[in-house]
C-alpha atoms as a PDB file:
ATOM      1  CA  MET A   1      66.579 135.287  -1.251  1.00  0.00           C
ATOM      2  CA  LYS A   2      66.784 134.309   2.332  1.00  0.00           C
ATOM      3  CA  LYS A   3      66.344 137.742   3.356  1.00  0.00           C
ATOM      4  CA  ASP A   4      63.036 137.944   1.388  1.00  0.00           C
ATOM      5  CA  LEU A   5      61.804 135.215   2.771  1.00  0.00           C
ATOM      6  CA  LYS A   6      61.768 136.771   6.468  1.00  0.00           C
ATOM      7  CA  GLY A   7      59.420 139.701   4.754  1.00  0.00           C
ATOM      8  CA  ARG A   8      57.035 136.977   3.131  1.00  0.00           C
ATOM      9  CA  ILE A   9      56.720 133.658   5.561  1.00  0.00           C
ATOM     10  CA  GLU A  10      56.558 133.348   8.915  1.00  0.00           C
ATOM     11  CA  ILE A  11      55.901 130.689  11.712  1.00  0.00           C
ATOM     12  CA  THR A  12      52.230 130.512  13.629  1.00  0.00           C
ATOM     13  CA  LYS A  13      52.428 129.440  17.053  1.00  0.00           C
ATOM     14  CA  SER A  14      51.483 126.072  16.192  1.00  0.00           C
ATOM     15  CA  GLY A  15      54.458 125.932  14.269  1.00  0.00           C
ATOM     16  CA  LYS A  16      53.278 126.200  10.479  1.00  0.00           C
ATOM     17  CA  PRO A  17      54.552 128.369   7.869  1.00  0.00           C
ATOM     18  CA  ILE A  18      52.373 130.865   6.402  1.00  0.00           C
ATOM     19  CA  ILE A  19      52.331 133.987   3.870  1.00  0.00           C
ATOM     20  CA  LYS A  20      52.966 136.798   6.169  1.00  0.00           C
ATOM     21  CA  GLY A  21      49.659 138.829   7.067  1.00  0.00           C
ATOM     22  CA  THR A  22      47.565 136.536   5.592  1.00  0.00           C
ATOM     23  CA  LYS A  23      46.552 132.687   6.781  1.00  0.00           C
ATOM     24  CA  VAL A  24      47.534 131.511   3.735  1.00  0.00           C
ATOM     25  CA  PRO A  25      49.832 128.020   4.778  1.00  0.00           C
ATOM     26  CA  VAL A  26      52.749 127.635   2.461  1.00  0.00           C
ATOM     27  CA  TYR A  27      51.733 124.001   1.400  1.00  0.00           C
ATOM     28  CA  SER A  28      48.009 125.410   0.140  1.00  0.00           C
ATOM     29  CA  VAL A  29      50.500 127.385  -2.604  1.00  0.00           C
ATOM     30  CA  LEU A  30      52.821 124.384  -3.383  1.00  0.00           C
ATOM     31  CA  ASP A  31      50.074 121.920  -3.560  1.00  0.00           C
ATOM     32  CA  ILE A  32      48.382 124.317  -6.218  1.00  0.00           C
ATOM     33  CA  LEU A  33      51.692 124.263  -8.017  1.00  0.00           C
ATOM     34  CA  SER A  34      52.459 120.488  -7.761  1.00  0.00           C
ATOM     35  CA  ASP A  35      49.063 119.455  -8.898  1.00  0.00           C
ATOM     36  CA  GLY A  36      50.072 122.152 -12.393  1.00  0.00           C
ATOM     37  CA  GLY A  37      48.347 124.670 -11.187  1.00  0.00           C
ATOM     38  CA  GLY A  38      50.827 128.035 -11.955  1.00  0.00           C
ATOM     39  CA  PHE A  39      51.499 131.702 -10.575  1.00  0.00           C
ATOM     40  CA  GLU A  40      48.329 133.076 -11.890  1.00  0.00           C
ATOM     41  CA  GLU A  41      46.023 130.444 -10.369  1.00  0.00           C
ATOM     42  CA  VAL A  42      47.514 130.825  -6.905  1.00  0.00           C
ATOM     43  CA  LEU A  43      46.655 134.301  -7.582  1.00  0.00           C
ATOM     44  CA  LYS A  44      43.385 133.805  -8.542  1.00  0.00           C
ATOM     45  CA  LYS A  45      42.444 131.675  -5.833  1.00  0.00           C
ATOM     46  CA  TYR A  46      44.339 134.202  -3.344  1.00  0.00           C
ATOM     47  CA  PRO A  47      44.355 137.754  -4.726  1.00  0.00           C
ATOM     48  CA  ASN A  48      45.863 139.402  -1.621  1.00  0.00           C
ATOM     49  CA  LEU A  49      49.471 137.183  -2.640  1.00  0.00           C
ATOM     50  CA  GLU A  50      52.064 138.802  -4.982  1.00  0.00           C
ATOM     51  CA  LYS A  51      53.871 136.620  -7.154  1.00  0.00           C
ATOM     52  CA  GLU A  52      57.009 137.442  -4.904  1.00  0.00           C
ATOM     53  CA  ASP A  53      55.049 135.356  -2.357  1.00  0.00           C
ATOM     54  CA  VAL A  54      54.594 132.590  -4.632  1.00  0.00           C
ATOM     55  CA  ARG A  55      58.779 132.353  -4.880  1.00  0.00           C
ATOM     56  CA  ALA A  56      59.152 132.852  -1.226  1.00  0.00           C
ATOM     57  CA  ALA A  57      57.157 129.890  -0.521  1.00  0.00           C
ATOM     58  CA  ILE A  58      58.895 127.731  -3.188  1.00  0.00           C
ATOM     59  CA  LYS A  59      62.325 129.090  -2.013  1.00  0.00           C
ATOM     60  CA  PHE A  60      61.352 128.243   1.626  1.00  0.00           C
ATOM     61  CA  ALA A  61      60.225 124.601   0.975  1.00  0.00           C
ATOM     62  CA  SER A  62      63.205 124.337  -1.025  1.00  0.00           C
ATOM     63  CA  LEU A  63      65.572 125.512   1.998  1.00  0.00           C
ATOM     64  CA  VAL A  64      63.518 123.365   4.607  1.00  0.00           C
ATOM     65  CA  LEU A  65      64.207 120.253   2.616  1.00  0.00           C
ATOM     66  CA  GLY A  66      67.642 120.706   1.804  1.00  0.00           C
ATOM     67  CA  ASN A  67      67.877 121.280   5.768  1.00  0.00           C
ATOM     68  CA  GLU A  68      66.320 117.545   5.820  1.00  0.00           C
ATOM     69  CA  GLU A  69      68.394 116.076   3.515  1.00  0.00           C
ATOM     70  CA  ASP A  70      71.651 117.794   5.120  1.00  0.00           C
ATOM     71  CA  ASN A  71      70.448 116.522   8.768  1.00  0.00           C
ATOM     72  CA  LEU A  72      69.638 113.116   6.903  1.00  0.00           C
ATOM     73  CA  TYR A  73      72.894 112.285   5.320  1.00  0.00           C
ATOM     74  CA  GLY A  74      75.075 114.040   8.279  1.00  0.00           C
ATOM     75  CA  ALA A  75      76.489 116.851   5.888  1.00  0.00           C
END
């Protein structure tokens, strides 16, 4: 999945992760999901995205938070 992230997630010059080839920030996708929306709601709001883009956004957040936890707890 990490390999898929490179094809789906990119970091802007300002350091914000976005869905590659779009201006859709990863946090916008996650906001919809955390508010109880599903993949279909994300795809309705951002019709240029694919389900794999949504999955990549979730995985990216998981990896970032996992790394922060490792750094926080010295793992």
